[in-house]
């Protein structure tokens, strides 16, 4: 199982430098899941930057990749908060301003 982050789909949809690597990863036979929170985040970004057409492109890629939406419950939120408190200085991706 591979957990997909919103930055992966955004990189593909916005032709960022990592696009090819992410496309290759999503072409595999793995099971892909994405938290409902990340789905919402990516959808908002695409709609905000590209209007309704961006939202449509998001759902087309999401569906084609066969990504499953996973609930983000309290237990997961607490685990993420613990992770965040321990790794605050580690950037999560190239857009993350933490150093």
PDB file of N, CA and C in Angstrom:
ATOM      1  N   UNK A   1       0.841  -1.173   0.000  1.00  0.00           N
ATOM      2  CA  UNK A   1       0.000   0.000   0.000  1.00  0.00           C
ATOM      3  C   UNK A   1       0.887   1.237   0.000  1.00  0.00           C
ATOM      4  N   UNK A   2       0.526   2.203  -0.818  1.00  0.00           N
ATOM      5  CA  UNK A   2       1.237   3.472  -0.882  1.00  0.00           C
ATOM      6  C   UNK A   2       0.265   4.581  -0.490  1.00  0.00           C
ATOM      7  N   UNK A   3       0.683   5.411   0.463  1.00  0.00           N
ATOM      8  CA  UNK A   3      -0.114   6.560   0.874  1.00  0.00           C
ATOM      9  C   UNK A   3       0.301   7.740   0.008  1.00  0.00           C
ATOM     10  N   UNK A   4      -0.645   8.279  -0.720  1.00  0.00           N
ATOM     11  CA  UNK A   4      -0.396   9.370  -1.656  1.00  0.00           C
ATOM     12  C   UNK A   4      -0.638  10.694  -0.954  1.00  0.00           C
ATOM     13  N   UNK A   5       0.293  11.625  -1.112  1.00  0.00           N
ATOM     14  CA  UNK A   5       0.161  12.965  -0.540  1.00  0.00           C
ATOM     15  C   UNK A   5      -0.379  13.909  -1.607  1.00  0.00           C
ATOM     16  N   UNK A   6      -1.012  14.973  -1.178  1.00  0.00           N
ATOM     17  CA  UNK A   6      -1.559  15.946  -2.129  1.00  0.00           C
ATOM     18  C   UNK A   6      -0.480  16.506  -3.050  1.00  0.00           C
ATOM     19  N   UNK A   7       0.744  16.654  -2.551  1.00  0.00           N
ATOM     20  CA  UNK A   7       1.825  17.221  -3.375  1.00  0.00           C
ATOM     21  C   UNK A   7       2.140  16.345  -4.577  1.00  0.00           C
ATOM     22  N   UNK A   8       1.912  15.052  -4.467  1.00  0.00           N
ATOM     23  CA  UNK A   8       2.139  14.132  -5.587  1.00  0.00           C
ATOM     24  C   UNK A   8       1.191  14.458  -6.741  1.00  0.00           C
ATOM     25  N   UNK A   9      -0.090  14.530  -6.446  1.00  0.00           N
ATOM     26  CA  UNK A   9      -1.070  14.812  -7.497  1.00  0.00           C
ATOM     27  C   UNK A   9      -0.918  16.227  -8.041  1.00  0.00           C
ATOM     28  N   UNK A  10      -0.612  17.177  -7.158  1.00  0.00           N
ATOM     29  CA  UNK A  10      -0.420  18.551  -7.613  1.00  0.00           C
ATOM     30  C   UNK A  10       0.784  18.660  -8.529  1.00  0.00           C
ATOM     31  N   UNK A  11       1.841  17.929  -8.239  1.00  0.00           N
ATOM     32  CA  UNK A  11       3.034  17.944  -9.098  1.00  0.00           C
ATOM     33  C   UNK A  11       2.699  17.435 -10.496  1.00  0.00           C
ATOM     34  N   UNK A  12       1.898  16.384 -10.560  1.00  0.00           N
ATOM     35  CA  UNK A  12       1.500  15.846 -11.861  1.00  0.00           C
ATOM     36  C   UNK A  12       0.616  16.840 -12.603  1.00  0.00           C
ATOM     37  N   UNK A  13      -0.393  17.329 -11.928  1.00  0.00           N
ATOM     38  CA  UNK A  13      -1.377  18.206 -12.571  1.00  0.00           C
ATOM     39  C   UNK A  13      -0.809  19.561 -12.982  1.00  0.00           C
ATOM     40  N   UNK A  14       0.221  20.010 -12.297  1.00  0.00           N
ATOM     41  CA  UNK A  14       0.788  21.340 -12.577  1.00  0.00           C
ATOM     42  C   UNK A  14       2.150  21.252 -13.279  1.00  0.00           C
ATOM     43  N   UNK A  15       2.470  20.065 -13.791  1.00  0.00           N
ATOM     44  CA  UNK A  15       3.700  19.858 -14.561  1.00  0.00           C
ATOM     45  C   UNK A  15       4.961  20.285 -13.817  1.00  0.00           C
ATOM     46  N   UNK A  16       5.041  19.943 -12.541  1.00  0.00           N
ATOM     47  CA  UNK A  16       6.224  20.273 -11.750  1.00  0.00           C
ATOM     48  C   UNK A  16       7.352  19.291 -12.078  1.00  0.00           C
ATOM     49  N   UNK A  17       8.588  19.609 -11.708  1.00  0.00           N
ATOM     50  CA  UNK A  17       9.741  18.767 -12.073  1.00  0.00           C
ATOM     51  C   UNK A  17       9.612  17.298 -11.661  1.00  0.00           C
ATOM     52  N   UNK A  18       8.917  17.006 -10.574  1.00  0.00           N
ATOM     53  CA  UNK A  18       8.780  15.635 -10.086  1.00  0.00           C
ATOM     54  C   UNK A  18       7.666  14.849 -10.795  1.00  0.00           C
ATOM     55  N   UNK A  19       7.004  15.475 -11.734  1.00  0.00           N
ATOM     56  CA  UNK A  19       5.840  14.877 -12.387  1.00  0.00           C
ATOM     57  C   UNK A  19       6.100  13.454 -12.868  1.00  0.00           C
ATOM     58  N   UNK A  20       7.152  13.241 -13.637  1.00  0.00           N
ATOM     59  CA  UNK A  20       7.420  11.930 -14.236  1.00  0.00           C
ATOM     60  C   UNK A  20       7.597  10.843 -13.167  1.00  0.00           C
ATOM     61  N   UNK A  21       8.349  11.136 -12.115  1.00  0.00           N
ATOM     62  CA  UNK A  21       8.573  10.153 -11.061  1.00  0.00           C
ATOM     63  C   UNK A  21       7.262   9.760 -10.383  1.00  0.00           C
ATOM     64  N   UNK A  22       6.395  10.749 -10.136  1.00  0.00           N
ATOM     65  CA  UNK A  22       5.111  10.455  -9.506  1.00  0.00           C
ATOM     66  C   UNK A  22       4.201   9.669 -10.448  1.00  0.00           C
ATOM     67  N   UNK A  23       4.213  10.011 -11.731  1.00  0.00           N
ATOM     68  CA  UNK A  23       3.404   9.257 -12.692  1.00  0.00           C
ATOM     69  C   UNK A  23       3.828   7.792 -12.739  1.00  0.00           C
ATOM     70  N   UNK A  24       5.136   7.567 -12.719  1.00  0.00           N
ATOM     71  CA  UNK A  24       5.646   6.197 -12.744  1.00  0.00           C
ATOM     72  C   UNK A  24       5.232   5.434 -11.485  1.00  0.00           C
ATOM     73  N   UNK A  25       5.286   6.104 -10.345  1.00  0.00           N
ATOM     74  CA  UNK A  25       4.888   5.455  -9.091  1.00  0.00           C
ATOM     75  C   UNK A  25       3.415   5.074  -9.127  1.00  0.00           C
ATOM     76  N   UNK A  26       2.569   5.955  -9.654  1.00  0.00           N
ATOM     77  CA  UNK A  26       1.130   5.689  -9.697  1.00  0.00           C
ATOM     78  C   UNK A  26       0.756   4.668 -10.768  1.00  0.00           C
ATOM     79  N   UNK A  27       1.684   4.360 -11.652  1.00  0.00           N
ATOM     80  CA  UNK A  27       1.415   3.376 -12.698  1.00  0.00           C
ATOM     81  C   UNK A  27       1.639   1.949 -12.190  1.00  0.00           C
ATOM     82  N   UNK A  28       2.161   1.812 -10.995  1.00  0.00           N
ATOM     83  CA  UNK A  28       2.431   0.486 -10.438  1.00  0.00           C
ATOM     84  C   UNK A  28       1.171  -0.261 -10.048  1.00  0.00           C
ATOM     85  N   UNK A  29       1.384  -1.471  -9.590  1.00  0.00           N
ATOM     86  CA  UNK A  29       0.266  -2.339  -9.214  1.00  0.00           C
ATOM     87  C   UNK A  29      -0.092  -2.246  -7.739  1.00  0.00           C
ATOM     88  N   UNK A  30       0.483  -1.287  -7.041  1.00  0.00           N
ATOM     89  CA  UNK A  30       0.226  -1.157  -5.613  1.00  0.00           C
ATOM     90  C   UNK A  30      -1.195  -0.658  -5.357  1.00  0.00           C
ATOM     91  N   UNK A  31      -1.590  -0.762  -4.105  1.00  0.00           N
ATOM     92  CA  UNK A  31      -2.843  -0.164  -3.642  1.00  0.00           C
ATOM     93  C   UNK A  31      -2.511   1.255  -3.208  1.00  0.00           C
ATOM     94  N   UNK A  32      -3.245   2.241  -3.721  1.00  0.00           N
ATOM     95  CA  UNK A  32      -3.006   3.638  -3.405  1.00  0.00           C
ATOM     96  C   UNK A  32      -4.135   4.173  -2.537  1.00  0.00           C
ATOM     97  N   UNK A  33      -3.768   4.839  -1.448  1.00  0.00           N
ATOM     98  CA  UNK A  33      -4.753   5.456  -0.565  1.00  0.00           C
ATOM     99  C   UNK A  33      -4.330   6.898  -0.300  1.00  0.00           C
ATOM    100  N   UNK A  34      -5.315   7.712   0.014  1.00  0.00           N
ATOM    101  CA  UNK A  34      -5.073   9.124   0.310  1.00  0.00           C
ATOM    102  C   UNK A  34      -6.074   9.541   1.376  1.00  0.00           C
ATOM    103  N   UNK A  35      -5.609  10.276   2.366  1.00  0.00           N
ATOM    104  CA  UNK A  35      -6.536  10.691   3.419  1.00  0.00           C
ATOM    105  C   UNK A  35      -7.560  11.673   2.858  1.00  0.00           C
ATOM    106  N   UNK A  36      -8.730  11.646   3.441  1.00  0.00           N
ATOM    107  CA  UNK A  36      -9.787  12.563   3.025  1.00  0.00           C
ATOM    108  C   UNK A  36      -9.325  14.017   3.154  1.00  0.00           C
ATOM    109  N   UNK A  37      -8.489  14.293   4.132  1.00  0.00           N
ATOM    110  CA  UNK A  37      -7.974  15.652   4.328  1.00  0.00           C
ATOM    111  C   UNK A  37      -7.098  16.060   3.150  1.00  0.00           C
ATOM    112  N   UNK A  38      -6.205  15.163   2.709  1.00  0.00           N
ATOM    113  CA  UNK A  38      -5.335  15.477   1.574  1.00  0.00           C
ATOM    114  C   UNK A  38      -6.114  15.592   0.270  1.00  0.00           C
ATOM    115  N   UNK A  39      -7.139  14.782   0.107  1.00  0.00           N
ATOM    116  CA  UNK A  39      -7.988  14.888  -1.086  1.00  0.00           C
ATOM    117  C   UNK A  39      -8.615  16.274  -1.130  1.00  0.00           C
ATOM    118  N   UNK A  40      -9.168  16.692  -0.002  1.00  0.00           N
ATOM    119  CA  UNK A  40      -9.802  18.011   0.074  1.00  0.00           C
ATOM    120  C   UNK A  40      -8.778  19.119  -0.198  1.00  0.00           C
ATOM    121  N   UNK A  41      -7.601  19.005   0.393  1.00  0.00           N
ATOM    122  CA  UNK A  41      -6.555  20.023   0.197  1.00  0.00           C
ATOM    123  C   UNK A  41      -6.194  20.156  -1.280  1.00  0.00           C
ATOM    124  N   UNK A  42      -5.904  19.035  -1.935  1.00  0.00           N
ATOM    125  CA  UNK A  42      -5.498  19.071  -3.343  1.00  0.00           C
ATOM    126  C   UNK A  42      -6.619  19.608  -4.225  1.00  0.00           C
ATOM    127  N   UNK A  43      -7.836  19.201  -3.938  1.00  0.00           N
ATOM    128  CA  UNK A  43      -8.978  19.683  -4.705  1.00  0.00           C
ATOM    129  C   UNK A  43      -9.143  21.191  -4.556  1.00  0.00           C
ATOM    130  N   UNK A  44      -9.004  21.701  -3.344  1.00  0.00           N
ATOM    131  CA  UNK A  44      -9.103  23.153  -3.107  1.00  0.00           C
ATOM    132  C   UNK A  44      -8.005  23.910  -3.844  1.00  0.00           C
ATOM    133  N   UNK A  45      -6.792  23.379  -3.829  1.00  0.00           N
ATOM    134  CA  UNK A  45      -5.680  24.028  -4.530  1.00  0.00           C
ATOM    135  C   UNK A  45      -5.970  24.081  -6.027  1.00  0.00           C
ATOM    136  N   UNK A  46      -6.374  22.956  -6.593  1.00  0.00           N
ATOM    137  CA  UNK A  46      -6.639  22.927  -8.038  1.00  0.00           C
ATOM    138  C   UNK A  46      -7.803  23.834  -8.421  1.00  0.00           C
ATOM    139  N   UNK A  47      -8.851  23.834  -7.619  1.00  0.00           N
ATOM    140  CA  UNK A  47      -9.989  24.712  -7.916  1.00  0.00           C
ATOM    141  C   UNK A  47      -9.591  26.175  -7.754  1.00  0.00           C
ATOM    142  N   UNK A  48      -8.824  26.475  -6.704  1.00  0.00           N
ATOM    143  CA  UNK A  48      -8.399  27.852  -6.465  1.00  0.00           C
ATOM    144  C   UNK A  48      -7.465  28.392  -7.539  1.00  0.00           C
ATOM    145  N   UNK A  49      -6.578  27.563  -8.042  1.00  0.00           N
ATOM    146  CA  UNK A  49      -5.601  28.007  -9.043  1.00  0.00           C
ATOM    147  C   UNK A  49      -6.108  27.907 -10.475  1.00  0.00           C
ATOM    148  N   UNK A  50      -7.008  26.945 -10.744  1.00  0.00           N
ATOM    149  CA  UNK A  50      -7.385  26.651 -12.122  1.00  0.00           C
ATOM    150  C   UNK A  50      -8.892  26.624 -12.355  1.00  0.00           C
ATOM    151  N   UNK A  51      -9.663  27.012 -11.328  1.00  0.00           N
ATOM    152  CA  UNK A  51     -11.107  27.050 -11.476  1.00  0.00           C
ATOM    153  C   UNK A  51     -11.736  25.669 -11.576  1.00  0.00           C
ATOM    154  N   UNK A  52     -12.991  25.616 -12.027  1.00  0.00           N
ATOM    155  CA  UNK A  52     -13.690  24.334 -12.118  1.00  0.00           C
ATOM    156  C   UNK A  52     -12.961  23.303 -12.988  1.00  0.00           C
ATOM    157  N   UNK A  53     -12.283  23.752 -14.017  1.00  0.00           N
ATOM    158  CA  UNK A  53     -11.535  22.824 -14.880  1.00  0.00           C
ATOM    159  C   UNK A  53     -10.425  22.137 -14.092  1.00  0.00           C
ATOM    160  N   UNK A  54      -9.812  22.856 -13.147  1.00  0.00           N
ATOM    161  CA  UNK A  54      -8.782  22.255 -12.302  1.00  0.00           C
ATOM    162  C   UNK A  54      -9.350  21.167 -11.417  1.00  0.00           C
ATOM    163  N   UNK A  55     -10.535  21.400 -10.880  1.00  0.00           N
ATOM    164  CA  UNK A  55     -11.195  20.389 -10.048  1.00  0.00           C
ATOM    165  C   UNK A  55     -11.530  19.155 -10.883  1.00  0.00           C
ATOM    166  N   UNK A  56     -11.994  19.374 -12.098  1.00  0.00           N
ATOM    167  CA  UNK A  56     -12.297  18.255 -12.986  1.00  0.00           C
ATOM    168  C   UNK A  56     -11.051  17.454 -13.302  1.00  0.00           C
ATOM    169  N   UNK A  57      -9.947  18.125 -13.612  1.00  0.00           N
ATOM    170  CA  UNK A  57      -8.683  17.437 -13.895  1.00  0.00           C
ATOM    171  C   UNK A  57      -8.215  16.634 -12.679  1.00  0.00           C
ATOM    172  N   UNK A  58      -8.398  17.210 -11.479  1.00  0.00           N
ATOM    173  CA  UNK A  58      -8.021  16.493 -10.263  1.00  0.00           C
ATOM    174  C   UNK A  58      -8.773  15.172 -10.171  1.00  0.00           C
ATOM    175  N   UNK A  59     -10.106  15.234 -10.310  1.00  0.00           N
ATOM    176  CA  UNK A  59     -10.915  14.012 -10.170  1.00  0.00           C
ATOM    177  C   UNK A  59     -10.609  13.010 -11.266  1.00  0.00           C
ATOM    178  N   UNK A  60     -10.291  13.474 -12.460  1.00  0.00           N
ATOM    179  CA  UNK A  60      -9.933  12.557 -13.545  1.00  0.00           C
ATOM    180  C   UNK A  60      -8.662  11.787 -13.200  1.00  0.00           C
ATOM    181  N   UNK A  61      -7.633  12.492 -12.713  1.00  0.00           N
ATOM    182  CA  UNK A  61      -6.387  11.826 -12.327  1.00  0.00           C
ATOM    183  C   UNK A  61      -6.611  10.905 -11.140  1.00  0.00           C
ATOM    184  N   UNK A  62      -7.320  11.391 -10.147  1.00  0.00           N
ATOM    185  CA  UNK A  62      -7.599  10.618  -8.941  1.00  0.00           C
ATOM    186  C   UNK A  62      -8.282   9.293  -9.298  1.00  0.00           C
ATOM    187  N   UNK A  63      -9.286   9.351 -10.147  1.00  0.00           N
ATOM    188  CA  UNK A  63     -10.038   8.167 -10.550  1.00  0.00           C
ATOM    189  C   UNK A  63      -9.179   7.240 -11.406  1.00  0.00           C
ATOM    190  N   UNK A  64      -8.448   7.799 -12.357  1.00  0.00           N
ATOM    191  CA  UNK A  64      -7.605   6.986 -13.241  1.00  0.00           C
ATOM    192  C   UNK A  64      -6.533   6.232 -12.458  1.00  0.00           C
ATOM    193  N   UNK A  65      -6.018   6.846 -11.395  1.00  0.00           N
ATOM    194  CA  UNK A  65      -4.979   6.214 -10.577  1.00  0.00           C
ATOM    195  C   UNK A  65      -5.555   5.164  -9.631  1.00  0.00           C
ATOM    196  N   UNK A  66      -6.869   5.146  -9.478  1.00  0.00           N
ATOM    197  CA  UNK A  66      -7.499   4.165  -8.595  1.00  0.00           C
ATOM    198  C   UNK A  66      -7.200   4.396  -7.127  1.00  0.00           C
ATOM    199  N   UNK A  67      -7.074   5.653  -6.743  1.00  0.00           N
ATOM    200  CA  UNK A  67      -6.758   5.996  -5.356  1.00  0.00           C
ATOM    201  C   UNK A  67      -8.013   5.856  -4.502  1.00  0.00           C
ATOM    202  N   UNK A  68      -7.850   5.255  -3.335  1.00  0.00           N
ATOM    203  CA  UNK A  68      -8.956   5.105  -2.391  1.00  0.00           C
ATOM    204  C   UNK A  68      -8.883   6.227  -1.353  1.00  0.00           C
ATOM    205  N   UNK A  69     -10.023   6.765  -0.974  1.00  0.00           N
ATOM    206  CA  UNK A  69     -10.076   7.785   0.076  1.00  0.00           C
ATOM    207  C   UNK A  69     -10.172   7.086   1.428  1.00  0.00           C
ATOM    208  N   UNK A  70      -9.267   7.459   2.324  1.00  0.00           N
ATOM    209  CA  UNK A  70      -9.248   6.898   3.671  1.00  0.00           C
ATOM    210  C   UNK A  70      -9.676   7.975   4.666  1.00  0.00           C
ATOM    211  N   UNK A  71     -10.476   7.575   5.641  1.00  0.00           N
ATOM    212  CA  UNK A  71     -10.899   8.511   6.686  1.00  0.00           C
ATOM    213  C   UNK A  71      -9.692   8.975   7.500  1.00  0.00           C
ATOM    214  N   UNK A  72      -9.788  10.163   8.014  1.00  0.00           N
ATOM    215  CA  UNK A  72      -8.747  10.707   8.895  1.00  0.00           C
ATOM    216  C   UNK A  72      -9.416  10.897  10.244  1.00  0.00           C
ATOM    217  N   UNK A  73      -9.190   9.925  11.124  1.00  0.00           N
ATOM    218  CA  UNK A  73      -9.894   9.935  12.398  1.00  0.00           C
ATOM    219  C   UNK A  73      -9.028  10.518  13.523  1.00  0.00           C
ATOM    220  N   UNK A  74      -9.571  10.514  14.717  1.00  0.00           N
ATOM    221  CA  UNK A  74      -8.867  11.114  15.854  1.00  0.00           C
ATOM    222  C   UNK A  74      -7.546  10.409  16.151  1.00  0.00           C
ATOM    223  N   UNK A  75      -7.513   9.105  16.085  1.00  0.00           N
ATOM    224  CA  UNK A  75      -6.275   8.365  16.346  1.00  0.00           C
ATOM    225  C   UNK A  75      -5.180   8.769  15.352  1.00  0.00           C
ATOM    226  N   UNK A  76      -5.527   8.874  14.085  1.00  0.00           N
ATOM    227  CA  UNK A  76      -4.554   9.287  13.078  1.00  0.00           C
ATOM    228  C   UNK A  76      -4.109  10.730  13.301  1.00  0.00           C
ATOM    229  N   UNK A  77      -5.042  11.594  13.684  1.00  0.00           N
ATOM    230  CA  UNK A  77      -4.706  12.986  13.955  1.00  0.00           C
ATOM    231  C   UNK A  77      -3.718  13.086  15.104  1.00  0.00           C
ATOM    232  N   UNK A  78      -3.934  12.315  16.149  1.00  0.00           N
ATOM    233  CA  UNK A  78      -3.031  12.346  17.300  1.00  0.00           C
ATOM    234  C   UNK A  78      -1.650  11.801  16.926  1.00  0.00           C
ATOM    235  N   UNK A  79      -1.605  10.743  16.122  1.00  0.00           N
ATOM    236  CA  UNK A  79      -0.321  10.201  15.668  1.00  0.00           C
ATOM    237  C   UNK A  79       0.410  11.230  14.815  1.00  0.00           C
ATOM    238  N   UNK A  80      -0.312  11.936  13.943  1.00  0.00           N
ATOM    239  CA  UNK A  80       0.306  12.973  13.111  1.00  0.00           C
ATOM    240  C   UNK A  80       0.831  14.114  13.970  1.00  0.00           C
ATOM    241  N   UNK A  81       0.096  14.465  15.019  1.00  0.00           N
ATOM    242  CA  UNK A  81       0.537  15.548  15.910  1.00  0.00           C
ATOM    243  C   UNK A  81       1.819  15.165  16.637  1.00  0.00           C
ATOM    244  N   UNK A  82       1.934  13.907  17.052  1.00  0.00           N
ATOM    245  CA  UNK A  82       3.158  13.441  17.713  1.00  0.00           C
ATOM    246  C   UNK A  82       4.319  13.494  16.727  1.00  0.00           C
ATOM    247  N   UNK A  83       4.084  13.019  15.514  1.00  0.00           N
ATOM    248  CA  UNK A  83       5.130  13.065  14.481  1.00  0.00           C
ATOM    249  C   UNK A  83       5.570  14.505  14.250  1.00  0.00           C
ATOM    250  N   UNK A  84       4.610  15.381  14.080  1.00  0.00           N
ATOM    251  CA  UNK A  84       4.906  16.791  13.807  1.00  0.00           C
ATOM    252  C   UNK A  84       5.737  17.405  14.923  1.00  0.00           C
ATOM    253  N   UNK A  85       5.420  17.093  16.173  1.00  0.00           N
ATOM    254  CA  UNK A  85       6.151  17.685  17.296  1.00  0.00           C
ATOM    255  C   UNK A  85       7.592  17.188  17.348  1.00  0.00           C
ATOM    256  N   UNK A  86       7.847  15.995  16.845  1.00  0.00           N
ATOM    257  CA  UNK A  86       9.204  15.431  16.869  1.00  0.00           C
ATOM    258  C   UNK A  86      10.038  15.848  15.666  1.00  0.00           C
ATOM    259  N   UNK A  87       9.394  16.175  14.556  1.00  0.00           N
ATOM    260  CA  UNK A  87      10.112  16.427  13.311  1.00  0.00           C
ATOM    261  C   UNK A  87       9.843  17.823  12.747  1.00  0.00           C
ATOM    262  N   UNK A  88       9.616  18.797  13.598  1.00  0.00           N
ATOM    263  CA  UNK A  88       9.256  20.140  13.140  1.00  0.00           C
ATOM    264  C   UNK A  88      10.290  20.768  12.218  1.00  0.00           C
ATOM    265  N   UNK A  89      11.548  20.454  12.402  1.00  0.00           N
ATOM    266  CA  UNK A  89      12.577  21.101  11.592  1.00  0.00           C
ATOM    267  C   UNK A  89      12.834  20.391  10.267  1.00  0.00           C
ATOM    268  N   UNK A  90      12.181  19.258  10.020  1.00  0.00           N
ATOM    269  CA  UNK A  90      12.404  18.502   8.791  1.00  0.00           C
ATOM    270  C   UNK A  90      11.353  18.897   7.751  1.00  0.00           C
ATOM    271  N   UNK A  91      11.783  19.421   6.585  1.00  0.00           N
ATOM    272  CA  UNK A  91      10.806  19.786   5.556  1.00  0.00           C
ATOM    273  C   UNK A  91      10.037  18.554   5.071  1.00  0.00           C
ATOM    274  N   UNK A  92       8.751  18.697   4.870  1.00  0.00           N
ATOM    275  CA  UNK A  92       7.934  17.596   4.405  1.00  0.00           C
ATOM    276  C   UNK A  92       8.011  17.437   2.886  1.00  0.00           C
ATOM    277  N   UNK A  93       8.222  18.529   2.170  1.00  0.00           N
ATOM    278  CA  UNK A  93       8.371  18.495   0.725  1.00  0.00           C
ATOM    279  C   UNK A  93       9.067  19.777   0.284  1.00  0.00           C
ATOM    280  N   UNK A  94       9.266  19.951  -0.985  1.00  0.00           N
ATOM    281  CA  UNK A  94      10.047  21.112  -1.446  1.00  0.00           C
ATOM    282  C   UNK A  94       9.321  22.438  -1.243  1.00  0.00           C
ATOM    283  N   UNK A  95       8.028  22.393  -0.973  1.00  0.00           N
ATOM    284  CA  UNK A  95       7.271  23.632  -0.745  1.00  0.00           C
ATOM    285  C   UNK A  95       7.211  24.009   0.739  1.00  0.00           C
ATOM    286  N   UNK A  96       7.664  23.137   1.582  1.00  0.00           N
ATOM    287  CA  UNK A  96       7.578  23.341   3.021  1.00  0.00           C
ATOM    288  C   UNK A  96       8.703  24.266   3.464  1.00  0.00           C
ATOM    289  N   UNK A  97       8.368  25.394   4.071  1.00  0.00           N
ATOM    290  CA  UNK A  97       9.347  26.394   4.461  1.00  0.00           C
ATOM    291  C   UNK A  97      10.152  26.069   5.703  1.00  0.00           C
ATOM    292  N   UNK A  98       9.867  24.950   6.361  1.00  0.00           N
ATOM    293  CA  UNK A  98      10.596  24.630   7.590  1.00  0.00           C
ATOM    294  C   UNK A  98      12.041  24.260   7.280  1.00  0.00           C
ATOM    295  N   UNK A  99      12.926  24.647   8.166  1.00  0.00           N
ATOM    296  CA  UNK A  99      14.348  24.290   8.026  1.00  0.00           C
ATOM    297  C   UNK A  99      14.923  23.984   9.368  1.00  0.00           C
TER     298      UNK A  99
END
